[in-house]
Amino acid sequence: MITSAATTPPERLSERDLQRLMAVVHRHAGIALGPEKRVMIEARLGKLARRTTQSLHDLIGAAEAEPDGPVMNDLLDVLTTNYTSFFREPAHFAWMADTWLPAMVRRRRPIRVWCAAAATGEEPYSLAITLREGLEQAGVDLPVELWCTDVSRRALAVATAGVYPASHVQNLEPMRRRRWFLRGVGQSEGRVRVNPELARMTTFARHNLLDPPPWTQVDLIFLRNVMIYFDDPTQAKLLATLHGALADHGFLVVGHAENVRRLVRGFRMHGHSILEKQR
């Protein structure tokens, strides 16, 4: 009997290969994969294996041999959920516009912001819009440095291009859509590109959160919905790293679903997702 590719059961991971995969992903990216996620792992890696015509065993071997290479990048892409959207979890942007940015304006000095999980760019450009609109409303033109990093090269390529399906901005206010996005025509119909002003504000670069921070004296760090993939020791280590990257009384914003209160050292909590660095 001939079985079609569509009905071929997914390749199973041996216990040894599952342990190897969990170890290399945790070692390289801090992501904690438990054996209870075997079914999800096999399904997602199976799609990658079919696309690359490699076995799961060979994919894991390639990641071990070149932890910073393209196969590891592919593994991280399929094993994590890269869902994002413009102004996701809008309460954080409202706090930024109404509370944080006015305080920064009163200081009258350059603003340094780090989006540490930039993904495909929707969050960085949401930050850029919030900054530009707030500064215009305040009638000031402070220098802004907006650094945007991610471990995924594929996601960063999308972010740097700044081109999205028009449906991605459908829920934004019409005035925001007109101001900050250019509508495609001809072959680009149905897509939008971020305004060049936003593109000039953002600097994209690859960065692994397990590495030392590329910047210090940062006023605001957004790292949302990433630490859910890390175990407690990795979360605690990362919080200490981010604490060191922040300026005194700088802020770290995490996802609403991330409970880091039990691990916090050297921060004052504002709610459960906004952390202020203490001296």
C-alpha atoms as a PDB file:
ATOM      1  CA  MET A   1       0.000   0.000   0.000  1.00  0.00           C
ATOM      2  CA  ILE A   2       1.301   3.450  -0.932  1.00  0.00           C
ATOM      3  CA  THR A   3       0.746   6.152   1.693  1.00  0.00           C
ATOM      4  CA  SER A   4       0.519   9.758   0.570  1.00  0.00           C
ATOM      5  CA  ALA A   5       2.673  12.413   2.204  1.00  0.00           C
ATOM      6  CA  ALA A   6      -0.470  13.980   3.640  1.00  0.00           C
ATOM      7  CA  THR A   7      -1.319  10.812   5.588  1.00  0.00           C
ATOM      8  CA  THR A   8       2.190   9.754   6.540  1.00  0.00           C
ATOM      9  CA  PRO A   9       2.378   9.731  10.346  1.00  0.00           C
ATOM     10  CA  PRO A  10       4.884  12.192  11.801  1.00  0.00           C
ATOM     11  CA  GLU A  11       8.357  10.889  12.497  1.00  0.00           C
ATOM     12  CA  ARG A  12       8.834   9.979  16.142  1.00  0.00           C
ATOM     13  CA  LEU A  13      11.728  11.277  18.191  1.00  0.00           C
ATOM     14  CA  SER A  14      13.761   8.740  20.059  1.00  0.00           C
ATOM     15  CA  GLU A  15      14.104   9.426  23.770  1.00  0.00           C
ATOM     16  CA  ARG A  16      17.780  10.228  23.264  1.00  0.00           C
ATOM     17  CA  ASP A  17      17.081  12.672  20.423  1.00  0.00           C
ATOM     18  CA  LEU A  18      14.370  14.382  22.498  1.00  0.00           C
ATOM     19  CA  GLN A  19      16.852  14.886  25.328  1.00  0.00           C
ATOM     20  CA  ARG A  20      19.480  16.180  22.871  1.00  0.00           C
ATOM     21  CA  LEU A  21      16.986  18.646  21.407  1.00  0.00           C
ATOM     22  CA  MET A  22      15.877  19.928  24.801  1.00  0.00           C
ATOM     23  CA  ALA A  23      19.500  20.353  25.857  1.00  0.00           C
ATOM     24  CA  VAL A  24      20.717  22.232  22.768  1.00  0.00           C
ATOM     25  CA  VAL A  25      17.698  24.570  22.661  1.00  0.00           C
ATOM     26  CA  HIS A  26      18.009  25.341  26.370  1.00  0.00           C
ATOM     27  CA  ARG A  27      21.760  25.807  26.158  1.00  0.00           C
ATOM     28  CA  HIS A  28      21.614  28.117  23.150  1.00  0.00           C
ATOM     29  CA  ALA A  29      18.393  30.090  23.693  1.00  0.00           C
ATOM     30  CA  GLY A  30      17.279  29.405  27.271  1.00  0.00           C
ATOM     31  CA  ILE A  31      14.028  27.818  26.088  1.00  0.00           C
ATOM     32  CA  ALA A  32      12.794  25.076  28.415  1.00  0.00           C
ATOM     33  CA  LEU A  33      11.061  22.260  26.526  1.00  0.00           C
ATOM     34  CA  GLY A  34       9.642  19.514  28.713  1.00  0.00           C
ATOM     35  CA  PRO A  35       8.977  15.918  27.593  1.00  0.00           C
ATOM     36  CA  GLU A  36       5.259  16.607  27.988  1.00  0.00           C
ATOM     37  CA  LYS A  37       5.546  18.714  24.815  1.00  0.00           C
ATOM     38  CA  ARG A  38       6.742  15.752  22.733  1.00  0.00           C
ATOM     39  CA  VAL A  39       3.648  15.675  20.493  1.00  0.00           C
ATOM     40  CA  MET A  40       3.928  19.398  19.707  1.00  0.00           C
ATOM     41  CA  ILE A  41       7.677  19.104  19.126  1.00  0.00           C
ATOM     42  CA  GLU A  42       7.306  16.151  16.761  1.00  0.00           C
ATOM     43  CA  ALA A  43       4.529  17.834  14.789  1.00  0.00           C
ATOM     44  CA  ARG A  44       6.393  21.117  14.321  1.00  0.00           C
ATOM     45  CA  LEU A  45       9.765  19.555  13.654  1.00  0.00           C
ATOM     46  CA  GLY A  46       8.137  17.101  11.279  1.00  0.00           C
ATOM     47  CA  LYS A  47       6.990  19.969   9.053  1.00  0.00           C
ATOM     48  CA  LEU A  48      10.495  21.417   9.107  1.00  0.00           C
ATOM     49  CA  ALA A  49      12.027  18.033   8.321  1.00  0.00           C
ATOM     50  CA  ARG A  50       9.736  17.534   5.325  1.00  0.00           C
ATOM     51  CA  ARG A  51      10.527  21.021   4.068  1.00  0.00           C
ATOM     52  CA  THR A  52      14.265  20.465   4.328  1.00  0.00           C
ATOM     53  CA  THR A  53      14.185  16.728   3.486  1.00  0.00           C
ATOM     54  CA  GLN A  54      16.163  15.934   6.629  1.00  0.00           C
ATOM     55  CA  SER A  55      15.363  13.511   9.418  1.00  0.00           C
ATOM     56  CA  LEU A  56      14.659  14.803  12.917  1.00  0.00           C
ATOM     57  CA  HIS A  57      17.887  13.131  14.032  1.00  0.00           C
ATOM     58  CA  ASP A  58      19.875  15.009  11.380  1.00  0.00           C
ATOM     59  CA  LEU A  59      18.207  18.343  12.214  1.00  0.00           C
ATOM     60  CA  ILE A  60      19.204  18.000  15.854  1.00  0.00           C
ATOM     61  CA  GLY A  61      22.720  17.010  14.872  1.00  0.00           C
ATOM     62  CA  ALA A  62      23.049  20.081  12.636  1.00  0.00           C
ATOM     63  CA  ALA A  63      21.865  22.340  15.472  1.00  0.00           C
ATOM     64  CA  GLU A  64      24.401  20.811  17.834  1.00  0.00           C
ATOM     65  CA  ALA A  65      27.194  21.200  15.298  1.00  0.00           C
ATOM     66  CA  GLU A  66      26.374  24.862  14.546  1.00  0.00           C
ATOM     67  CA  PRO A  67      24.342  26.383  17.400  1.00  0.00           C
ATOM     68  CA  ASP A  68      24.356  29.793  15.737  1.00  0.00           C
ATOM     69  CA  GLY A  69      23.564  28.468  12.275  1.00  0.00           C
ATOM     70  CA  PRO A  70      20.496  28.371  10.033  1.00  0.00           C
ATOM     71  CA  VAL A  71      19.149  25.038  11.294  1.00  0.00           C
ATOM     72  CA  MET A  72      19.042  26.279  14.882  1.00  0.00           C
ATOM     73  CA  ASN A  73      17.336  29.419  13.637  1.00  0.00           C
ATOM     74  CA  ASP A  74      14.722  27.250  11.910  1.00  0.00           C
ATOM     75  CA  LEU A  75      14.259  25.145  15.053  1.00  0.00           C
ATOM     76  CA  LEU A  76      13.643  28.207  17.192  1.00  0.00           C
ATOM     77  CA  ASP A  77      11.186  29.584  14.642  1.00  0.00           C
ATOM     78  CA  VAL A  78       9.044  26.450  14.653  1.00  0.00           C
ATOM     79  CA  LEU A  79       9.281  25.690  18.373  1.00  0.00           C
ATOM     80  CA  THR A  80       8.182  29.134  19.546  1.00  0.00           C
ATOM     81  CA  THR A  81       4.938  30.941  18.865  1.00  0.00           C
ATOM     82  CA  ASN A  82       5.856  34.154  17.074  1.00  0.00           C
ATOM     83  CA  TYR A  83       2.414  35.720  17.298  1.00  0.00           C
ATOM     84  CA  THR A  84       2.526  39.490  17.377  1.00  0.00           C
ATOM     85  CA  SER A  85       0.451  42.435  16.192  1.00  0.00           C
ATOM     86  CA  PHE A  86       0.469  46.198  16.138  1.00  0.00           C
ATOM     87  CA  PHE A  87      -0.283  47.623  19.604  1.00  0.00           C
ATOM     88  CA  ARG A  88      -0.745  44.194  21.139  1.00  0.00           C
ATOM     89  CA  GLU A  89      -1.639  44.464  24.848  1.00  0.00           C
ATOM     90  CA  PRO A  90      -2.581  48.125  24.339  1.00  0.00           C
ATOM     91  CA  ALA A  91      -2.544  49.047  28.040  1.00  0.00           C
ATOM     92  CA  HIS A  92       1.262  49.104  27.916  1.00  0.00           C
ATOM     93  CA  PHE A  93       1.277  51.642  25.090  1.00  0.00           C
ATOM     94  CA  ALA A  94      -1.322  53.751  26.902  1.00  0.00           C
ATOM     95  CA  TRP A  95       0.914  53.760  30.032  1.00  0.00           C
ATOM     96  CA  MET A  96       3.886  54.648  27.863  1.00  0.00           C
ATOM     97  CA  ALA A  97       2.074  57.572  26.211  1.00  0.00           C
ATOM     98  CA  ASP A  98       0.275  58.916  29.297  1.00  0.00           C
ATOM     99  CA  THR A  99       2.771  58.310  32.117  1.00  0.00           C
ATOM    100  CA  TRP A 100       6.250  57.296  31.037  1.00  0.00           C
ATOM    101  CA  LEU A 101       6.843  59.556  28.035  1.00  0.00           C
ATOM    102  CA  PRO A 102       5.669  62.811  29.700  1.00  0.00           C
ATOM    103  CA  ALA A 103       8.126  62.111  32.537  1.00  0.00           C
ATOM    104  CA  MET A 104      10.902  61.577  29.990  1.00  0.00           C
ATOM    105  CA  VAL A 105       9.988  64.821  28.190  1.00  0.00           C
ATOM    106  CA  ARG A 106      10.346  66.762  31.431  1.00  0.00           C
ATOM    107  CA  ARG A 107      13.947  65.507  31.731  1.00  0.00           C
ATOM    108  CA  ARG A 108      14.797  67.003  28.335  1.00  0.00           C
ATOM    109  CA  ARG A 109      17.439  64.459  27.389  1.00  0.00           C
ATOM    110  CA  PRO A 110      17.814  61.765  24.691  1.00  0.00           C
ATOM    111  CA  ILE A 111      15.497  58.755  25.029  1.00  0.00           C
ATOM    112  CA  ARG A 112      16.875  55.217  24.809  1.00  0.00           C
ATOM    113  CA  VAL A 113      14.437  52.326  24.227  1.00  0.00           C
ATOM    114  CA  TRP A 114      15.204  48.646  23.621  1.00  0.00           C
ATOM    115  CA  CYS A 115      12.630  46.281  22.147  1.00  0.00           C
ATOM    116  CA  ALA A 116      14.337  43.018  23.088  1.00  0.00           C
ATOM    117  CA  ALA A 117      11.979  40.630  21.288  1.00  0.00           C
ATOM    118  CA  ALA A 118      11.278  42.455  18.054  1.00  0.00           C
ATOM    119  CA  ALA A 119       9.879  39.428  16.165  1.00  0.00           C
ATOM    120  CA  THR A 120       8.559  40.570  12.763  1.00  0.00           C
ATOM    121  CA  GLY A 121       8.492  44.252  13.709  1.00  0.00           C
ATOM    122  CA  GLU A 122       4.932  45.070  14.705  1.00  0.00           C
ATOM    123  CA  GLU A 123       5.924  45.852  18.293  1.00  0.00           C
ATOM    124  CA  PRO A 124       8.958  48.014  17.427  1.00  0.00           C
ATOM    125  CA  TYR A 125       6.928  50.096  14.990  1.00  0.00           C
ATOM    126  CA  SER A 126       4.151  50.437  17.587  1.00  0.00           C
ATOM    127  CA  LEU A 127       6.783  51.792  19.971  1.00  0.00           C
ATOM    128  CA  ALA A 128       8.066  54.171  17.298  1.00  0.00           C
ATOM    129  CA  ILE A 129       4.557  55.475  16.606  1.00  0.00           C
ATOM    130  CA  THR A 130       3.909  55.990  20.319  1.00  0.00           C
ATOM    131  CA  LEU A 131       7.180  57.870  20.747  1.00  0.00           C
ATOM    132  CA  ARG A 132       6.749  60.088  17.698  1.00  0.00           C
ATOM    133  CA  GLU A 133       3.112  60.935  18.421  1.00  0.00           C
ATOM    134  CA  GLY A 134       3.889  61.691  22.072  1.00  0.00           C
ATOM    135  CA  LEU A 135       6.815  63.936  21.280  1.00  0.00           C
ATOM    136  CA  GLU A 136       4.817  65.815  18.647  1.00  0.00           C
ATOM    137  CA  GLN A 137       1.962  66.297  21.106  1.00  0.00           C
ATOM    138  CA  ALA A 138       4.425  67.658  23.685  1.00  0.00           C
ATOM    139  CA  GLY A 139       5.923  69.971  21.084  1.00  0.00           C
ATOM    140  CA  VAL A 140       9.484  68.743  21.593  1.00  0.00           C
ATOM    141  CA  ASP A 141      11.964  66.981  19.350  1.00  0.00           C
ATOM    142  CA  LEU A 142      14.162  64.925  21.660  1.00  0.00           C
ATOM    143  CA  PRO A 143      16.662  62.503  20.103  1.00  0.00           C
ATOM    144  CA  VAL A 144      15.371  58.920  20.250  1.00  0.00           C
ATOM    145  CA  GLU A 145      17.375  55.715  20.013  1.00  0.00           C
ATOM    146  CA  LEU A 146      15.109  52.719  19.424  1.00  0.00           C
ATOM    147  CA  TRP A 147      17.013  49.434  19.265  1.00  0.00           C
ATOM    148  CA  CYS A 148      15.131  46.328  18.212  1.00  0.00           C
ATOM    149  CA  THR A 149      16.600  42.851  18.547  1.00  0.00           C
ATOM    150  CA  ASP A 150      15.564  39.246  18.116  1.00  0.00           C
ATOM    151  CA  VAL A 151      17.259  35.877  17.891  1.00  0.00           C
ATOM    152  CA  SER A 152      15.466  34.962  14.643  1.00  0.00           C
ATOM    153  CA  ARG A 153      17.114  36.132  11.439  1.00  0.00           C
ATOM    154  CA  ARG A 154      13.971  35.325   9.458  1.00  0.00           C
ATOM    155  CA  ALA A 155      11.785  37.484  11.706  1.00  0.00           C
ATOM    156  CA  LEU A 156      14.288  40.330  11.585  1.00  0.00           C
ATOM    157  CA  ALA A 157      14.281  40.272   7.792  1.00  0.00           C
ATOM    158  CA  VAL A 158      10.515  40.859   7.818  1.00  0.00           C
ATOM    159  CA  ALA A 159      10.863  43.582  10.460  1.00  0.00           C
ATOM    160  CA  THR A 160      13.586  45.402   8.549  1.00  0.00           C
ATOM    161  CA  ALA A 161      11.554  45.342   5.319  1.00  0.00           C
ATOM    162  CA  GLY A 162       8.560  46.811   7.173  1.00  0.00           C
ATOM    163  CA  VAL A 163       6.022  45.435   4.680  1.00  0.00           C
ATOM    164  CA  TYR A 164       2.828  43.764   5.936  1.00  0.00           C
ATOM    165  CA  PRO A 165      -0.554  42.569   4.715  1.00  0.00           C
ATOM    166  CA  ALA A 166      -3.020  45.450   4.888  1.00  0.00           C
ATOM    167  CA  SER A 167      -5.153  43.347   7.240  1.00  0.00           C
ATOM    168  CA  HIS A 168      -2.445  43.767   9.912  1.00  0.00           C
ATOM    169  CA  VAL A 169      -3.298  47.460  10.283  1.00  0.00           C
ATOM    170  CA  GLN A 170      -7.033  47.163   9.722  1.00  0.00           C
ATOM    171  CA  ASN A 171      -7.862  47.684  13.406  1.00  0.00           C
ATOM    172  CA  LEU A 172      -5.783  50.847  13.756  1.00  0.00           C
ATOM    173  CA  GLU A 173      -7.479  54.248  13.765  1.00  0.00           C
ATOM    174  CA  PRO A 174      -7.855  55.563  10.181  1.00  0.00           C
ATOM    175  CA  MET A 175      -5.717  58.612  10.960  1.00  0.00           C
ATOM    176  CA  ARG A 176      -2.894  56.372  12.201  1.00  0.00           C
ATOM    177  CA  ARG A 177      -3.107  54.181   9.134  1.00  0.00           C
ATOM    178  CA  ARG A 178      -2.874  57.190   6.824  1.00  0.00           C
ATOM    179  CA  ARG A 179      -0.037  58.818   8.752  1.00  0.00           C
ATOM    180  CA  TRP A 180       2.229  55.861   9.397  1.00  0.00           C
ATOM    181  CA  PHE A 181       1.650  53.376   6.563  1.00  0.00           C
ATOM    182  CA  LEU A 182       1.939  53.601   2.792  1.00  0.00           C
ATOM    183  CA  ARG A 183      -0.618  51.617   0.801  1.00  0.00           C
ATOM    184  CA  GLY A 184       0.690  49.346  -1.917  1.00  0.00           C
ATOM    185  CA  VAL A 185      -0.485  49.704  -5.499  1.00  0.00           C
ATOM    186  CA  GLY A 186      -0.207  47.448  -8.517  1.00  0.00           C
ATOM    187  CA  GLN A 187       1.609  44.249  -7.611  1.00  0.00           C
ATOM    188  CA  SER A 188       1.849  45.477  -4.008  1.00  0.00           C
ATOM    189  CA  GLU A 189      -1.895  46.041  -3.645  1.00  0.00           C
ATOM    190  CA  GLY A 190      -3.198  44.582  -0.393  1.00  0.00           C
ATOM    191  CA  ARG A 191       0.040  45.327   1.444  1.00  0.00           C
ATOM    192  CA  VAL A 192       1.363  48.293   3.402  1.00  0.00           C
ATOM    193  CA  ARG A 193       4.824  49.619   4.163  1.00  0.00           C
ATOM    194  CA  VAL A 194       5.758  51.532   7.294  1.00  0.00           C
ATOM    195  CA  ASN A 195       6.388  55.224   6.813  1.00  0.00           C
ATOM    196  CA  PRO A 196      10.096  55.962   6.171  1.00  0.00           C
ATOM    197  CA  GLU A 197      10.065  58.177   9.276  1.00  0.00           C
ATOM    198  CA  LEU A 198       9.405  55.088  11.419  1.00  0.00           C
ATOM    199  CA  ALA A 199      12.002  53.074   9.552  1.00  0.00           C
ATOM    200  CA  ARG A 200      14.615  55.744  10.276  1.00  0.00           C
ATOM    201  CA  MET A 201      13.792  55.610  13.984  1.00  0.00           C
ATOM    202  CA  THR A 202      14.406  51.878  14.338  1.00  0.00           C
ATOM    203  CA  THR A 203      17.672  49.932  14.343  1.00  0.00           C
ATOM    204  CA  PHE A 204      17.320  46.156  13.987  1.00  0.00           C
ATOM    205  CA  ALA A 205      19.988  43.669  15.014  1.00  0.00           C
ATOM    206  CA  ARG A 206      20.256  40.021  15.990  1.00  0.00           C
ATOM    207  CA  HIS A 207      20.772  39.342  19.680  1.00  0.00           C
ATOM    208  CA  ASN A 208      20.484  36.274  21.900  1.00  0.00           C
ATOM    209  CA  LEU A 209      18.992  37.186  25.265  1.00  0.00           C
ATOM    210  CA  LEU A 210      21.429  34.821  26.990  1.00  0.00           C
ATOM    211  CA  ASP A 211      24.316  37.034  25.854  1.00  0.00           C
ATOM    212  CA  PRO A 212      25.393  40.239  27.628  1.00  0.00           C
ATOM    213  CA  PRO A 213      23.168  43.221  26.773  1.00  0.00           C
ATOM    214  CA  PRO A 214      24.426  45.252  23.800  1.00  0.00           C
ATOM    215  CA  TRP A 215      23.462  48.548  25.490  1.00  0.00           C
ATOM    216  CA  THR A 216      23.379  50.081  28.956  1.00  0.00           C
ATOM    217  CA  GLN A 217      21.685  53.117  30.487  1.00  0.00           C
ATOM    218  CA  VAL A 218      18.467  52.206  28.668  1.00  0.00           C
ATOM    219  CA  ASP A 219      15.351  54.101  29.738  1.00  0.00           C
ATOM    220  CA  LEU A 220      12.767  51.514  28.708  1.00  0.00           C
ATOM    221  CA  ILE A 221      12.952  47.837  27.763  1.00  0.00           C
ATOM    222  CA  PHE A 222      10.032  45.930  26.234  1.00  0.00           C
ATOM    223  CA  LEU A 223      10.423  42.158  26.606  1.00  0.00           C
ATOM    224  CA  ARG A 224       6.947  40.717  26.417  1.00  0.00           C
ATOM    225  CA  ASN A 225       5.703  37.135  26.142  1.00  0.00           C
ATOM    226  CA  VAL A 226       9.191  35.648  25.891  1.00  0.00           C
ATOM    227  CA  MET A 227      10.044  34.598  29.436  1.00  0.00           C
ATOM    228  CA  ILE A 228       7.136  32.134  29.372  1.00  0.00           C
ATOM    229  CA  TYR A 229       9.511  29.902  27.407  1.00  0.00           C
ATOM    230  CA  PHE A 230      12.207  30.025  30.125  1.00  0.00           C
ATOM    231  CA  ASP A 231      12.568  28.120  33.380  1.00  0.00           C
ATOM    232  CA  ASP A 232      12.869  29.987  36.677  1.00  0.00           C
ATOM    233  CA  PRO A 233      16.704  30.049  36.824  1.00  0.00           C
ATOM    234  CA  THR A 234      16.913  31.413  33.270  1.00  0.00           C
ATOM    235  CA  GLN A 235      14.219  34.006  33.994  1.00  0.00           C
ATOM    236  CA  ALA A 236      16.050  35.148  37.132  1.00  0.00           C
ATOM    237  CA  LYS A 237      19.342  35.420  35.259  1.00  0.00           C
ATOM    238  CA  LEU A 238      17.704  37.373  32.432  1.00  0.00           C
ATOM    239  CA  LEU A 239      15.993  39.769  34.856  1.00  0.00           C
ATOM    240  CA  ALA A 240      19.382  40.472  36.434  1.00  0.00           C
ATOM    241  CA  THR A 241      20.872  41.101  32.987  1.00  0.00           C
ATOM    242  CA  LEU A 242      18.099  43.517  32.050  1.00  0.00           C
ATOM    243  CA  HIS A 243      18.402  45.239  35.420  1.00  0.00           C
ATOM    244  CA  GLY A 244      22.044  45.927  34.584  1.00  0.00           C
ATOM    245  CA  ALA A 245      21.123  47.314  31.159  1.00  0.00           C
ATOM    246  CA  LEU A 246      18.632  49.837  32.538  1.00  0.00           C
ATOM    247  CA  ALA A 247      19.379  53.351  33.715  1.00  0.00           C
ATOM    248  CA  ASP A 248      18.415  54.163  37.303  1.00  0.00           C
ATOM    249  CA  HIS A 249      14.620  54.202  37.493  1.00  0.00           C
ATOM    250  CA  GLY A 250      14.402  52.794  34.000  1.00  0.00           C
ATOM    251  CA  PHE A 251      11.457  50.530  33.230  1.00  0.00           C
ATOM    252  CA  LEU A 252      11.090  46.936  32.055  1.00  0.00           C
ATOM    253  CA  VAL A 253       7.753  45.888  30.534  1.00  0.00           C
ATOM    254  CA  VAL A 254       6.867  42.180  30.395  1.00  0.00           C
ATOM    255  CA  GLY A 255       3.763  40.422  29.096  1.00  0.00           C
ATOM    256  CA  HIS A 256       0.520  40.494  31.065  1.00  0.00           C
ATOM    257  CA  ALA A 257       0.572  36.686  31.275  1.00  0.00           C
ATOM    258  CA  GLU A 258       4.104  36.519  32.686  1.00  0.00           C
ATOM    259  CA  ASN A 259       4.361  36.184  36.457  1.00  0.00           C
ATOM    260  CA  VAL A 260       7.870  37.255  37.449  1.00  0.00           C
ATOM    261  CA  ARG A 261       7.093  38.814  40.840  1.00  0.00           C
ATOM    262  CA  ARG A 262       8.596  35.886  42.762  1.00  0.00           C
ATOM    263  CA  LEU A 263      11.900  36.308  40.886  1.00  0.00           C
ATOM    264  CA  VAL A 264      12.218  40.086  41.000  1.00  0.00           C
ATOM    265  CA  ARG A 265      15.293  41.573  42.650  1.00  0.00           C
ATOM    266  CA  GLY A 266      16.107  45.288  42.477  1.00  0.00           C
ATOM    267  CA  PHE A 267      12.827  46.292  40.841  1.00  0.00           C
ATOM    268  CA  ARG A 268       9.710  48.022  42.079  1.00  0.00           C
ATOM    269  CA  MET A 269       6.575  46.474  40.638  1.00  0.00           C
ATOM    270  CA  HIS A 270       3.888  48.660  39.055  1.00  0.00           C
ATOM    271  CA  GLY A 271       1.085  46.157  38.719  1.00  0.00           C
ATOM    272  CA  HIS A 272       2.488  42.805  37.626  1.00  0.00           C
ATOM    273  CA  SER A 273       3.917  43.652  34.202  1.00  0.00           C
ATOM    274  CA  ILE A 274       5.743  46.996  34.624  1.00  0.00           C
ATOM    275  CA  LEU A 275       8.986  46.943  36.630  1.00  0.00           C
ATOM    276  CA  GLU A 276      10.992  49.998  37.685  1.00  0.00           C
ATOM    277  CA  LYS A 277      14.698  49.658  38.421  1.00  0.00           C
ATOM    278  CA  GLN A 278      15.698  50.732  41.913  1.00  0.00           C
ATOM    279  CA  ARG A 279      19.188  51.889  42.835  1.00  0.00           C
END
